C-alpha atoms as a PDB file:
ATOM      1  CA  MET A   1     -74.070 133.128  36.243  1.00  0.00           C
ATOM      2  CA  ALA A   2     -70.506 134.371  36.808  1.00  0.00           C
ATOM      3  CA  VAL A   3     -69.220 136.346  33.832  1.00  0.00           C
ATOM      4  CA  GLY A   4     -65.582 137.436  33.788  1.00  0.00           C
ATOM      5  CA  GLU A   5     -64.880 140.640  35.647  1.00  0.00           C
ATOM      6  CA  LEU A   6     -68.548 141.769  35.698  1.00  0.00           C
ATOM      7  CA  LEU A   7     -69.128 143.673  38.902  1.00  0.00           C
ATOM      8  CA  ALA A   8     -71.906 142.759  41.285  1.00  0.00           C
ATOM      9  CA  PRO A   9     -74.447 145.538  42.034  1.00  0.00           C
ATOM     10  CA  THR A  10     -72.638 148.095  44.141  1.00  0.00           C
ATOM     11  CA  GLN A  11     -75.586 148.722  46.382  1.00  0.00           C
ATOM     12  CA  THR A  12     -79.071 147.574  47.240  1.00  0.00           C
ATOM     13  CA  CYS A  13     -82.145 149.586  48.201  1.00  0.00           C
ATOM     14  CA  GLU A  14     -81.543 148.758  51.830  1.00  0.00           C
ATOM     15  CA  ASN A  15     -77.947 149.862  51.507  1.00  0.00           C
ATOM     16  CA  LEU A  16     -79.052 153.208  50.035  1.00  0.00           C
ATOM     17  CA  GLU A  17     -81.054 153.930  53.174  1.00  0.00           C
ATOM     18  CA  ASN A  18     -78.030 152.995  55.307  1.00  0.00           C
ATOM     19  CA  MET A  19     -75.827 155.316  53.266  1.00  0.00           C
ATOM     20  CA  LYS A  20     -78.242 158.223  53.558  1.00  0.00           C
ATOM     21  CA  SER A  21     -78.298 157.801  57.308  1.00  0.00           C
ATOM     22  CA  ALA A  22     -74.546 157.494  57.452  1.00  0.00           C
ATOM     23  CA  SER A  23     -73.979 160.608  55.283  1.00  0.00           C
ATOM     24  CA  SER A  24     -76.042 162.769  57.626  1.00  0.00           C
ATOM     25  CA  ASP A  25     -73.789 161.915  60.554  1.00  0.00           C
ATOM     26  CA  ILE A  26     -70.389 161.653  58.874  1.00  0.00           C
ATOM     27  CA  SER A  27     -68.983 164.389  56.717  1.00  0.00           C
ATOM     28  CA  ASN A  28     -65.599 162.873  56.038  1.00  0.00           C
ATOM     29  CA  SER A  29     -65.652 161.396  52.515  1.00  0.00           C
ATOM     30  CA  ASN A  30     -63.081 158.746  53.359  1.00  0.00           C
ATOM     31  CA  ASN A  31     -65.181 157.440  56.243  1.00  0.00           C
ATOM     32  CA  LYS A  32     -68.206 157.431  53.982  1.00  0.00           C
ATOM     33  CA  SER A  33     -66.331 155.350  51.447  1.00  0.00           C
ATOM     34  CA  SER A  34     -65.411 152.943  54.187  1.00  0.00           C
ATOM     35  CA  LEU A  35     -69.047 152.606  55.201  1.00  0.00           C
ATOM     36  CA  LEU A  36     -69.999 151.897  51.625  1.00  0.00           C
ATOM     37  CA  LYS A  37     -67.464 149.076  51.642  1.00  0.00           C
ATOM     38  CA  LYS A  38     -68.479 147.648  55.021  1.00  0.00           C
ATOM     39  CA  ALA A  39     -72.229 148.214  55.015  1.00  0.00           C
ATOM     40  CA  SER A  40     -73.122 144.901  53.344  1.00  0.00           C
ATOM     41  CA  ILE A  41     -71.890 142.282  50.965  1.00  0.00           C
ATOM     42  CA  GLY A  42     -73.592 144.087  48.125  1.00  0.00           C
ATOM     43  CA  GLY A  43     -71.306 147.074  48.593  1.00  0.00           C
ATOM     44  CA  ILE A  44     -68.047 145.180  48.191  1.00  0.00           C
ATOM     45  CA  LEU A  45     -66.316 145.247  44.828  1.00  0.00           C
ATOM     46  CA  SER A  46     -65.758 141.639  43.729  1.00  0.00           C
ATOM     47  CA  THR A  47     -66.891 139.116  41.158  1.00  0.00           C
ATOM     48  CA  PRO A  48     -69.623 136.536  41.838  1.00  0.00           C
ATOM     49  CA  ALA A  49     -67.013 133.787  41.705  1.00  0.00           C
ATOM     50  CA  VAL A  50     -64.998 135.438  44.496  1.00  0.00           C
ATOM     51  CA  ARG A  51     -68.143 135.906  46.585  1.00  0.00           C
ATOM     52  CA  ASN A  52     -68.982 132.252  46.135  1.00  0.00           C
ATOM     53  CA  LEU A  53     -65.448 131.297  47.212  1.00  0.00           C
ATOM     54  CA  ALA A  54     -65.767 133.401  50.344  1.00  0.00           C
ATOM     55  CA  LYS A  55     -69.104 131.789  51.131  1.00  0.00           C
ATOM     56  CA  GLN A  56     -67.642 128.318  50.733  1.00  0.00           C
ATOM     57  CA  TYR A  57     -65.062 129.194  53.382  1.00  0.00           C
ATOM     58  CA  GLY A  58     -67.729 130.781  55.583  1.00  0.00           C
ATOM     59  CA  ILE A  59     -66.078 134.192  55.319  1.00  0.00           C
ATOM     60  CA  ASP A  60     -67.900 137.527  55.471  1.00  0.00           C
ATOM     61  CA  ILE A  61     -66.450 139.182  52.389  1.00  0.00           C
ATOM     62  CA  SER A  62     -66.744 142.607  54.001  1.00  0.00           C
ATOM     63  CA  ASP A  63     -64.068 141.510  56.490  1.00  0.00           C
ATOM     64  CA  VAL A  64     -61.566 140.901  53.696  1.00  0.00           C
ATOM     65  CA  ASN A  65     -59.204 143.700  52.723  1.00  0.00           C
ATOM     66  CA  GLY A  66     -59.257 143.994  48.933  1.00  0.00           C
ATOM     67  CA  SER A  67     -55.942 144.492  47.147  1.00  0.00           C
ATOM     68  CA  GLY A  68     -57.448 145.152  43.718  1.00  0.00           C
ATOM     69  CA  LYS A  69     -58.337 148.400  42.050  1.00  0.00           C
ATOM     70  CA  ASP A  70     -60.647 150.615  44.186  1.00  0.00           C
ATOM     71  CA  GLY A  71     -60.420 148.050  46.984  1.00  0.00           C
ATOM     72  CA  ARG A  72     -61.740 145.188  44.875  1.00  0.00           C
ATOM     73  CA  VAL A  73     -61.589 141.858  46.730  1.00  0.00           C
ATOM     74  CA  LEU A  74     -59.689 139.305  44.646  1.00  0.00           C
ATOM     75  CA  ARG A  75     -59.579 135.545  44.905  1.00  0.00           C
ATOM     76  CA  GLU A  76     -56.053 135.791  46.342  1.00  0.00           C
ATOM     77  CA  ASP A  77     -57.360 138.078  49.113  1.00  0.00           C
ATOM     78  CA  VAL A  78     -59.950 135.483  50.163  1.00  0.00           C
ATOM     79  CA  LEU A  79     -57.398 132.664  50.120  1.00  0.00           C
ATOM     80  CA  LYS A  80     -54.937 134.738  52.137  1.00  0.00           C
ATOM     81  CA  TYR A  81     -57.620 135.633  54.681  1.00  0.00           C
ATOM     82  CA  ALA A  82     -58.637 131.975  54.971  1.00  0.00           C
ATOM     83  CA  ALA A  83     -55.006 130.916  55.461  1.00  0.00           C
ATOM     84  CA  ASN A  84     -54.452 133.505  58.175  1.00  0.00           C
ATOM     85  CA  LYS A  85     -57.580 132.279  59.970  1.00  0.00           C
ATOM     86  CA  GLY A  86     -56.468 128.651  59.686  1.00  0.00           C
ATOM     87  CA  MET A  87     -59.421 127.701  57.500  1.00  0.00           C
ATOM     88  CA  THR A  88     -59.025 124.487  55.471  1.00  0.00           C
ATOM     89  CA  HIS A  89     -61.042 122.354  53.096  1.00  0.00           C
ATOM     90  CA  GLU A  90     -62.919 120.923  56.061  1.00  0.00           C
ATOM     91  CA  ALA A  91     -64.740 124.265  56.279  1.00  0.00           C
ATOM     92  CA  LEU A  92     -65.615 123.946  52.629  1.00  0.00           C
ATOM     93  CA  ALA A  93     -66.999 120.457  53.144  1.00  0.00           C
ATOM     94  CA  SER A  94     -69.241 121.547  55.988  1.00  0.00           C
ATOM     95  CA  SER A  95     -70.525 124.600  54.157  1.00  0.00           C
ATOM     96  CA  SER A  96     -71.401 122.520  51.105  1.00  0.00           C
ATOM     97  CA  ASP A  97     -74.029 120.696  53.195  1.00  0.00           C
ATOM     98  CA  SER A  98     -76.014 123.905  53.791  1.00  0.00           C
ATOM     99  CA  SER A  99     -79.613 124.097  52.662  1.00  0.00           C
ATOM    100  CA  GLU A 100     -78.874 126.710  50.020  1.00  0.00           C
ATOM    101  CA  GLU A 101     -77.209 124.757  47.210  1.00  0.00           C
ATOM    102  CA  GLU A 102     -74.764 126.656  45.042  1.00  0.00           C
ATOM    103  CA  GLU A 103     -72.371 125.463  42.415  1.00  0.00           C
ATOM    104  CA  CYS A 104     -68.663 125.843  43.030  1.00  0.00           C
ATOM    105  CA  PRO A 105     -65.713 125.004  40.803  1.00  0.00           C
ATOM    106  CA  HIS A 106     -64.562 121.373  41.023  1.00  0.00           C
ATOM    107  CA  VAL A 107     -60.977 121.361  42.221  1.00  0.00           C
ATOM    108  CA  SER A 108     -58.841 118.355  43.105  1.00  0.00           C
ATOM    109  CA  ALA A 109     -57.536 118.062  46.647  1.00  0.00           C
ATOM    110  CA  GLU A 110     -54.006 118.125  45.318  1.00  0.00           C
ATOM    111  CA  HIS A 111     -54.290 121.652  43.880  1.00  0.00           C
ATOM    112  CA  GLU A 112     -56.960 122.942  46.260  1.00  0.00           C
ATOM    113  CA  TRP A 113     -58.096 126.367  45.033  1.00  0.00           C
ATOM    114  CA  ASP A 114     -54.948 127.339  43.225  1.00  0.00           C
ATOM    115  CA  TYR A 115     -55.764 128.251  39.611  1.00  0.00           C
ATOM    116  CA  GLU A 116     -52.574 130.167  38.944  1.00  0.00           C
ATOM    117  CA  ASP A 117     -50.325 129.262  36.014  1.00  0.00           C
ATOM    118  CA  LYS A 118     -47.064 127.563  36.920  1.00  0.00           C
ATOM    119  CA  THR A 119     -43.921 127.615  34.802  1.00  0.00           C
ATOM    120  CA  ILE A 120     -41.703 124.557  35.125  1.00  0.00           C
ATOM    121  CA  THR A 121     -38.149 124.468  33.794  1.00  0.00           C
ATOM    122  CA  LEU A 122     -37.388 121.167  32.102  1.00  0.00           C
ATOM    123  CA  ARG A 123     -34.231 119.509  33.333  1.00  0.00           C
ATOM    124  CA  GLY A 124     -32.425 116.202  33.101  1.00  0.00           C
ATOM    125  CA  PHE A 125     -34.132 113.497  31.058  1.00  0.00           C
ATOM    126  CA  GLN A 126     -37.025 115.807  30.136  1.00  0.00           C
ATOM    127  CA  ARG A 127     -34.666 118.307  28.512  1.00  0.00           C
ATOM    128  CA  VAL A 128     -32.891 115.484  26.665  1.00  0.00           C
ATOM    129  CA  MET A 129     -36.265 114.279  25.385  1.00  0.00           C
ATOM    130  CA  VAL A 130     -37.052 117.741  23.993  1.00  0.00           C
ATOM    131  CA  LYS A 131     -33.811 117.699  22.023  1.00  0.00           C
ATOM    132  CA  SER A 132     -34.143 114.139  20.731  1.00  0.00           C
ATOM    133  CA  MET A 133     -37.807 114.487  19.771  1.00  0.00           C
ATOM    134  CA  THR A 134     -37.101 117.745  17.938  1.00  0.00           C
ATOM    135  CA  LEU A 135     -34.494 115.902  15.869  1.00  0.00           C
ATOM    136  CA  ALA A 136     -36.872 112.961  15.386  1.00  0.00           C
ATOM    137  CA  ALA A 137     -39.547 115.223  13.897  1.00  0.00           C
ATOM    138  CA  LYS A 138     -37.159 116.064  11.034  1.00  0.00           C
ATOM    139  CA  ILE A 139     -36.685 112.411  10.031  1.00  0.00           C
ATOM    140  CA  PRO A 140     -38.793 111.037   7.155  1.00  0.00           C
ATOM    141  CA  HIS A 141     -40.131 107.890   8.764  1.00  0.00           C
ATOM    142  CA  PHE A 142     -42.882 105.341   8.243  1.00  0.00           C
ATOM    143  CA  HIS A 143     -44.601 102.715  10.375  1.00  0.00           C
ATOM    144  CA  TYR A 144     -45.229  99.022   9.842  1.00  0.00           C
ATOM    145  CA  ILE A 145     -47.902  97.338  11.983  1.00  0.00           C
ATOM    146  CA  GLU A 146     -48.227  93.633  12.694  1.00  0.00           C
ATOM    147  CA  GLU A 147     -49.991  91.327  15.168  1.00  0.00           C
ATOM    148  CA  ILE A 148     -48.158  88.474  16.886  1.00  0.00           C
ATOM    149  CA  ASN A 149     -49.719  85.408  18.481  1.00  0.00           C
ATOM    150  CA  CYS A 150     -48.279  85.175  22.009  1.00  0.00           C
ATOM    151  CA  TYR A 151     -49.819  81.870  23.118  1.00  0.00           C
ATOM    152  CA  ALA A 152     -46.482  80.006  23.062  1.00  0.00           C
ATOM    153  CA  LEU A 153     -44.740  82.991  24.649  1.00  0.00           C
ATOM    154  CA  ALA A 154     -47.203  82.947  27.552  1.00  0.00           C
ATOM    155  CA  GLU A 155     -46.639  79.220  28.111  1.00  0.00           C
ATOM    156  CA  LEU A 156     -42.872  79.748  28.047  1.00  0.00           C
ATOM    157  CA  LYS A 157     -43.098  82.497  30.670  1.00  0.00           C
ATOM    158  CA  VAL A 158     -45.176  80.271  32.964  1.00  0.00           C
ATOM    159  CA  SER A 159     -42.655  77.472  32.530  1.00  0.00           C
ATOM    160  CA  PHE A 160     -39.774  79.800  33.425  1.00  0.00           C
ATOM    161  CA  GLN A 161     -41.566  81.009  36.536  1.00  0.00           C
ATOM    162  CA  ASN A 162     -42.474  77.485  37.677  1.00  0.00           C
ATOM    163  CA  GLU A 163     -38.823  76.479  37.491  1.00  0.00           C
ATOM    164  CA  ASN A 164     -37.604  79.681  39.108  1.00  0.00           C
ATOM    165  CA  SER A 165     -35.644  79.148  42.321  1.00  0.00           C
ATOM    166  CA  ASP A 166     -34.347  82.722  42.686  1.00  0.00           C
ATOM    167  CA  PRO A 167     -36.771  84.989  44.613  1.00  0.00           C
ATOM    168  CA  ASN A 168     -35.001  88.052  43.215  1.00  0.00           C
ATOM    169  CA  VAL A 169     -35.839  87.083  39.627  1.00  0.00           C
ATOM    170  CA  LYS A 170     -39.256  87.703  38.112  1.00  0.00           C
ATOM    171  CA  HIS A 171     -39.815  86.322  34.625  1.00  0.00           C
ATOM    172  CA  THR A 172     -41.823  88.451  32.177  1.00  0.00           C
ATOM    173  CA  PHE A 173     -42.463  88.498  28.451  1.00  0.00           C
ATOM    174  CA  LEU A 174     -39.994  91.310  27.772  1.00  0.00           C
ATOM    175  CA  PRO A 175     -36.649  89.429  28.075  1.00  0.00           C
ATOM    176  CA  VAL A 176     -37.812  86.811  25.549  1.00  0.00           C
ATOM    177  CA  LEU A 177     -38.951  89.593  23.210  1.00  0.00           C
ATOM    178  CA  ILE A 178     -35.571  91.286  23.572  1.00  0.00           C
ATOM    179  CA  LYS A 179     -33.632  88.102  22.854  1.00  0.00           C
ATOM    180  CA  SER A 180     -35.788  87.146  19.874  1.00  0.00           C
ATOM    181  CA  LEU A 181     -35.436  90.707  18.566  1.00  0.00           C
ATOM    182  CA  SER A 182     -31.658  90.309  18.660  1.00  0.00           C
ATOM    183  CA  MET A 183     -31.943  87.047  16.741  1.00  0.00           C
ATOM    184  CA  ALA A 184     -33.946  88.788  14.002  1.00  0.00           C
ATOM    185  CA  LEU A 185     -31.460  91.673  13.877  1.00  0.00           C
ATOM    186  CA  SER A 186     -28.676  89.206  13.104  1.00  0.00           C
ATOM    187  CA  LYS A 187     -30.418  88.473   9.800  1.00  0.00           C
ATOM    188  CA  TYR A 188     -31.421  92.085   9.094  1.00  0.00           C
ATOM    189  CA  PRO A 189     -28.499  94.200  10.381  1.00  0.00           C
ATOM    190  CA  PHE A 190     -29.677  97.417   8.706  1.00  0.00           C
ATOM    191  CA  LEU A 191     -32.299  97.814  11.453  1.00  0.00           C
ATOM    192  CA  ASN A 192     -29.419  97.820  13.950  1.00  0.00           C
ATOM    193  CA  SER A 193     -27.594 100.763  12.398  1.00  0.00           C
ATOM    194  CA  CYS A 194     -27.205 104.522  12.620  1.00  0.00           C
ATOM    195  CA  PHE A 195     -27.304 107.156   9.908  1.00  0.00           C
ATOM    196  CA  ASN A 196     -24.927 110.098   9.501  1.00  0.00           C
ATOM    197  CA  GLU A 197     -26.787 112.761   7.550  1.00  0.00           C
ATOM    198  CA  GLU A 198     -23.764 114.986   7.026  1.00  0.00           C
ATOM    199  CA  LEU A 199     -21.562 112.225   5.598  1.00  0.00           C
ATOM    200  CA  GLN A 200     -24.448 110.289   4.046  1.00  0.00           C
ATOM    201  CA  THR A 201     -23.204 107.041   5.604  1.00  0.00           C
ATOM    202  CA  VAL A 202     -24.852 104.142   7.400  1.00  0.00           C
ATOM    203  CA  THR A 203     -22.966 102.342  10.161  1.00  0.00           C
ATOM    204  CA  LEU A 204     -24.039  98.768  10.861  1.00  0.00           C
ATOM    205  CA  LYS A 205     -23.544  98.307  14.588  1.00  0.00           C
ATOM    206  CA  GLY A 206     -21.682  95.192  15.690  1.00  0.00           C
ATOM    207  CA  SER A 207     -23.388  95.021  19.096  1.00  0.00           C
ATOM    208  CA  HIS A 208     -27.112  94.717  19.705  1.00  0.00           C
ATOM    209  CA  ASN A 209     -27.514  97.373  22.406  1.00  0.00           C
ATOM    210  CA  ILE A 210     -31.278  97.265  22.754  1.00  0.00           C
ATOM    211  CA  GLY A 211     -32.786 100.271  24.518  1.00  0.00           C
ATOM    212  CA  ILE A 212     -35.890  99.929  26.671  1.00  0.00           C
ATOM    213  CA  ALA A 213     -38.036 103.059  27.018  1.00  0.00           C
ATOM    214  CA  MET A 214     -38.993 103.624  30.655  1.00  0.00           C
ATOM    215  CA  ALA A 215     -41.419 106.213  32.002  1.00  0.00           C
ATOM    216  CA  THR A 216     -40.306 107.534  35.397  1.00  0.00           C
ATOM    217  CA  GLN A 217     -41.273 110.488  37.589  1.00  0.00           C
ATOM    218  CA  HIS A 218     -38.087 112.136  36.330  1.00  0.00           C
ATOM    219  CA  GLY A 219     -39.124 111.824  32.678  1.00  0.00           C
ATOM    220  CA  LEU A 220     -38.747 109.353  29.828  1.00  0.00           C
ATOM    221  CA  VAL A 221     -35.418 107.544  29.827  1.00  0.00           C
ATOM    222  CA  VAL A 222     -34.048 104.870  27.483  1.00  0.00           C
ATOM    223  CA  PRO A 223     -31.300 102.757  29.077  1.00  0.00           C
ATOM    224  CA  ASN A 224     -30.006  99.935  26.913  1.00  0.00           C
ATOM    225  CA  ILE A 225     -28.912  96.356  27.463  1.00  0.00           C
ATOM    226  CA  LYS A 226     -25.466  95.926  25.955  1.00  0.00           C
ATOM    227  CA  LYS A 227     -24.495  93.063  23.594  1.00  0.00           C
ATOM    228  CA  VAL A 228     -27.808  91.231  23.787  1.00  0.00           C
ATOM    229  CA  GLN A 229     -26.657  88.759  21.133  1.00  0.00           C
ATOM    230  CA  SER A 230     -24.201  87.288  23.659  1.00  0.00           C
ATOM    231  CA  LEU A 231     -26.577  87.157  26.649  1.00  0.00           C
ATOM    232  CA  SER A 232     -28.941  84.429  27.783  1.00  0.00           C
ATOM    233  CA  ILE A 233     -32.601  85.146  28.531  1.00  0.00           C
ATOM    234  CA  LEU A 234     -31.855  84.855  32.252  1.00  0.00           C
ATOM    235  CA  GLU A 235     -28.971  87.346  31.974  1.00  0.00           C
ATOM    236  CA  ILE A 236     -31.226  89.739  30.068  1.00  0.00           C
ATOM    237  CA  THR A 237     -33.873  89.379  32.798  1.00  0.00           C
ATOM    238  CA  LYS A 238     -31.398  90.337  35.510  1.00  0.00           C
ATOM    239  CA  GLU A 239     -29.922  93.243  33.550  1.00  0.00           C
ATOM    240  CA  LEU A 240     -33.388  94.585  32.743  1.00  0.00           C
ATOM    241  CA  SER A 241     -34.312  94.478  36.424  1.00  0.00           C
ATOM    242  CA  ARG A 242     -31.121  96.344  37.338  1.00  0.00           C
ATOM    243  CA  LEU A 243     -31.811  99.109  34.826  1.00  0.00           C
ATOM    244  CA  GLN A 244     -35.434  99.455  35.941  1.00  0.00           C
ATOM    245  CA  GLN A 245     -34.427  99.883  39.591  1.00  0.00           C
ATOM    246  CA  LEU A 246     -31.782 102.474  38.719  1.00  0.00           C
ATOM    247  CA  ALA A 247     -34.223 104.356  36.483  1.00  0.00           C
ATOM    248  CA  LEU A 248     -36.822 104.607  39.251  1.00  0.00           C
ATOM    249  CA  ALA A 249     -34.144 105.879  41.645  1.00  0.00           C
ATOM    250  CA  ASN A 250     -32.796 108.315  39.019  1.00  0.00           C
ATOM    251  CA  LYS A 251     -29.340 106.744  39.333  1.00  0.00           C
ATOM    252  CA  LEU A 252     -28.639 105.542  35.797  1.00  0.00           C
ATOM    253  CA  SER A 253     -25.041 106.064  34.703  1.00  0.00           C
ATOM    254  CA  PRO A 254     -24.074 107.763  31.416  1.00  0.00           C
ATOM    255  CA  ASP A 255     -22.997 104.369  30.097  1.00  0.00           C
ATOM    256  CA  ASP A 256     -26.467 102.938  30.811  1.00  0.00           C
ATOM    257  CA  VAL A 257     -28.196 105.502  28.596  1.00  0.00           C
ATOM    258  CA  SER A 258     -25.660 105.833  25.778  1.00  0.00           C
ATOM    259  CA  GLY A 259     -24.646 103.620  22.877  1.00  0.00           C
ATOM    260  CA  GLY A 260     -28.111 102.252  22.044  1.00  0.00           C
ATOM    261  CA  THR A 261     -28.643 100.772  18.571  1.00  0.00           C
ATOM    262  CA  ILE A 262     -32.423 100.129  18.502  1.00  0.00           C
ATOM    263  CA  THR A 263     -35.250 100.961  20.918  1.00  0.00           C
ATOM    264  CA  LEU A 264     -38.137  98.892  22.243  1.00  0.00           C
ATOM    265  CA  SER A 265     -41.065 100.738  23.837  1.00  0.00           C
ATOM    266  CA  ASN A 266     -43.408  98.539  25.868  1.00  0.00           C
ATOM    267  CA  ILE A 267     -46.549 100.676  26.004  1.00  0.00           C
ATOM    268  CA  GLY A 268     -48.521  97.558  26.878  1.00  0.00           C
ATOM    269  CA  ALA A 269     -47.035  97.640  30.358  1.00  0.00           C
ATOM    270  CA  ILE A 270     -49.191 100.715  30.980  1.00  0.00           C
ATOM    271  CA  GLY A 271     -52.218  99.489  29.093  1.00  0.00           C
ATOM    272  CA  GLY A 272     -52.130 100.740  25.516  1.00  0.00           C
ATOM    273  CA  LYS A 273     -52.939  98.593  22.499  1.00  0.00           C
ATOM    274  CA  PHE A 274     -51.164 100.593  19.802  1.00  0.00           C
ATOM    275  CA  GLY A 275     -48.437 103.200  19.639  1.00  0.00           C
ATOM    276  CA  SER A 276     -46.843 105.312  16.918  1.00  0.00           C
ATOM    277  CA  PRO A 277     -43.244 105.786  18.109  1.00  0.00           C
ATOM    278  CA  LEU A 278     -40.795 108.446  16.939  1.00  0.00           C
ATOM    279  CA  MET A 279     -37.149 107.794  16.154  1.00  0.00           C
ATOM    280  CA  ASN A 280     -34.546 107.774  18.901  1.00  0.00           C
ATOM    281  CA  THR A 281     -31.788 109.386  16.875  1.00  0.00           C
ATOM    282  CA  PRO A 282     -29.281 108.421  15.518  1.00  0.00           C
ATOM    283  CA  GLU A 283     -30.960 104.988  15.503  1.00  0.00           C
ATOM    284  CA  VAL A 284     -32.966 104.070  12.401  1.00  0.00           C
ATOM    285  CA  ALA A 285     -35.667 101.869  13.988  1.00  0.00           C
ATOM    286  CA  ILE A 286     -37.899 101.868  17.045  1.00  0.00           C
ATOM    287  CA  ILE A 287     -40.569  99.354  18.034  1.00  0.00           C
ATOM    288  CA  ALA A 288     -43.686  99.900  20.150  1.00  0.00           C
ATOM    289  CA  ILE A 289     -45.419  96.818  21.521  1.00  0.00           C
ATOM    290  CA  GLY A 290     -48.946  96.924  22.903  1.00  0.00           C
ATOM    291  CA  ARG A 291     -50.556  94.881  25.642  1.00  0.00           C
ATOM    292  CA  ILE A 292     -51.368  91.239  25.015  1.00  0.00           C
ATOM    293  CA  GLN A 293     -55.118  90.755  24.631  1.00  0.00           C
ATOM    294  CA  LYS A 294     -57.285  87.718  24.006  1.00  0.00           C
ATOM    295  CA  ILE A 295     -59.392  87.930  20.847  1.00  0.00           C
ATOM    296  CA  PRO A 296     -61.450  85.462  18.778  1.00  0.00           C
ATOM    297  CA  GLN A 297     -60.086  84.057  15.513  1.00  0.00           C
ATOM    298  CA  PHE A 298     -61.270  81.571  12.890  1.00  0.00           C
ATOM    299  CA  ASP A 299     -59.490  78.392  11.862  1.00  0.00           C
ATOM    300  CA  ASP A 300     -59.545  76.959   8.343  1.00  0.00           C
ATOM    301  CA  ASP A 301     -62.846  75.202   9.035  1.00  0.00           C
ATOM    302  CA  GLY A 302     -64.557  78.380  10.239  1.00  0.00           C
ATOM    303  CA  ASN A 303     -64.459  77.479  13.912  1.00  0.00           C
ATOM    304  CA  VAL A 304     -63.859  80.254  16.431  1.00  0.00           C
ATOM    305  CA  TYR A 305     -61.027  79.894  18.926  1.00  0.00           C
ATOM    306  CA  PRO A 306     -59.326  82.338  21.333  1.00  0.00           C
ATOM    307  CA  VAL A 307     -55.817  83.680  20.723  1.00  0.00           C
ATOM    308  CA  SER A 308     -53.552  85.984  22.736  1.00  0.00           C
ATOM    309  CA  VAL A 309     -52.399  88.719  20.375  1.00  0.00           C
ATOM    310  CA  MET A 310     -49.847  91.513  20.766  1.00  0.00           C
ATOM    311  CA  SER A 311     -49.721  94.457  18.359  1.00  0.00           C
ATOM    312  CA  VAL A 312     -46.340  95.610  17.080  1.00  0.00           C
ATOM    313  CA  ASN A 313     -45.612  98.970  15.461  1.00  0.00           C
ATOM    314  CA  VAL A 314     -42.178  99.361  13.857  1.00  0.00           C
ATOM    315  CA  GLY A 315     -41.118 102.945  13.160  1.00  0.00           C
ATOM    316  CA  ALA A 316     -38.316 103.190  10.593  1.00  0.00           C
ATOM    317  CA  ASP A 317     -36.100 105.868   9.068  1.00  0.00           C
ATOM    318  CA  HIS A 318     -37.084 105.882   5.382  1.00  0.00           C
ATOM    319  CA  ARG A 319     -33.698 107.273   4.398  1.00  0.00           C
ATOM    320  CA  VAL A 320     -32.143 103.939   5.357  1.00  0.00           C
ATOM    321  CA  LEU A 321     -34.942 101.372   5.460  1.00  0.00           C
ATOM    322  CA  ASP A 322     -37.744 100.486   3.069  1.00  0.00           C
ATOM    323  CA  GLY A 323     -41.067  98.817   3.755  1.00  0.00           C
ATOM    324  CA  ALA A 324     -40.083  95.430   2.325  1.00  0.00           C
ATOM    325  CA  THR A 325     -37.006  95.158   4.570  1.00  0.00           C
ATOM    326  CA  VAL A 326     -38.993  96.090   7.665  1.00  0.00           C
ATOM    327  CA  ALA A 327     -41.755  93.627   6.753  1.00  0.00           C
ATOM    328  CA  ARG A 328     -39.287  90.753   6.311  1.00  0.00           C
ATOM    329  CA  PHE A 329     -37.549  91.636   9.558  1.00  0.00           C
ATOM    330  CA  CYS A 330     -40.861  91.714  11.412  1.00  0.00           C
ATOM    331  CA  ASN A 331     -41.823  88.314   9.952  1.00  0.00           C
ATOM    332  CA  GLU A 332     -38.545  86.864  11.239  1.00  0.00           C
ATOM    333  CA  TRP A 333     -39.077  88.309  14.711  1.00  0.00           C
ATOM    334  CA  LYS A 334     -42.676  87.130  14.718  1.00  0.00           C
ATOM    335  CA  LEU A 335     -41.575  83.584  13.845  1.00  0.00           C
ATOM    336  CA  PHE A 336     -39.226  83.410  16.842  1.00  0.00           C
ATOM    337  CA  ILE A 337     -41.951  84.669  19.184  1.00  0.00           C
ATOM    338  CA  GLU A 338     -44.703  82.390  17.915  1.00  0.00           C
ATOM    339  CA  LYS A 339     -42.379  79.374  17.777  1.00  0.00           C
ATOM    340  CA  PRO A 340     -39.855  79.823  20.591  1.00  0.00           C
ATOM    341  CA  GLU A 341     -38.414  76.355  19.905  1.00  0.00           C
ATOM    342  CA  LEU A 342     -36.824  77.910  16.790  1.00  0.00           C
ATOM    343  CA  LEU A 343     -35.318  80.561  19.041  1.00  0.00           C
ATOM    344  CA  MET A 344     -33.661  77.816  21.094  1.00  0.00           C
ATOM    345  CA  LEU A 345     -32.552  76.022  17.915  1.00  0.00           C
ATOM    346  CA  HIS A 346     -30.721  79.019  16.434  1.00  0.00           C
ATOM    347  CA  MET A 347     -29.512  80.629  19.652  1.00  0.00           C
ATOM    348  CA  ARG A 348     -25.724  80.824  20.031  1.00  0.00           C
END
């Protein structure tokens, strides 16, 4: 059992005999110390974990020059020795098949045997997220959760795709959700506003610039689709595709990521059912939608039937919005999603 920096026994009985023989022939204390270090594995200062690492690489630990105190062989010394000898993980794989089975730390191929701490400086979108989320934590907010039946939405998406003649366009649920969200905002404009804490004012935004949270290798970014209330579902589809491609390439312009009025976070695209989103200041509302899942429900006669349900979590700034307003807004949005014919009826 490897315990911290506990030293292995510095010598064995056999080593003592070797040392006695060596001391009778060599008077120089430095040479004697060297013999103690080279005589056997037992005479090398190192931890059991380091010895095990050396064994995995097939290295005689007595051949490794220790850089630690009193010539102690450290993990870095073994790795450096292995690198100089051109030893790779293939050597580890072959040694693991030996008859003597020993446990070794499980390490992914990506990080190999590197256990050192790494400090990463946050830049770009990641640094912006730190600032915005720090501000969000100071906002008194609440969450309203609802479930929406997406059966009609799924049929509408299939219909769009069947009639699609443009190979560059892929129809998904999101553009319809964005357009129906804009329709609901027209009736409840306070959710499409921003709050100025210093002046204690609320500005109702004239344009529905709906931001879409996107997770990229460069960090979380929230580009927004401008003036959604004046766009068709097809135009929203194309603009969403453009923003997604730019986000993946880290080529979004300042205009693409500024001026948002409300944010939609599609965690269901990754696989989550529920989310508890934080404000994207200075906006006063953010919505997280989960993945659509098929669940059983009962009708009025007690019969079970399947439904496709999507969970919705609306996060709201309680300084501007109250629960009743958010609930009514969510009911309006839900109505447009569950009955898309009403969306077509009221669309301008």
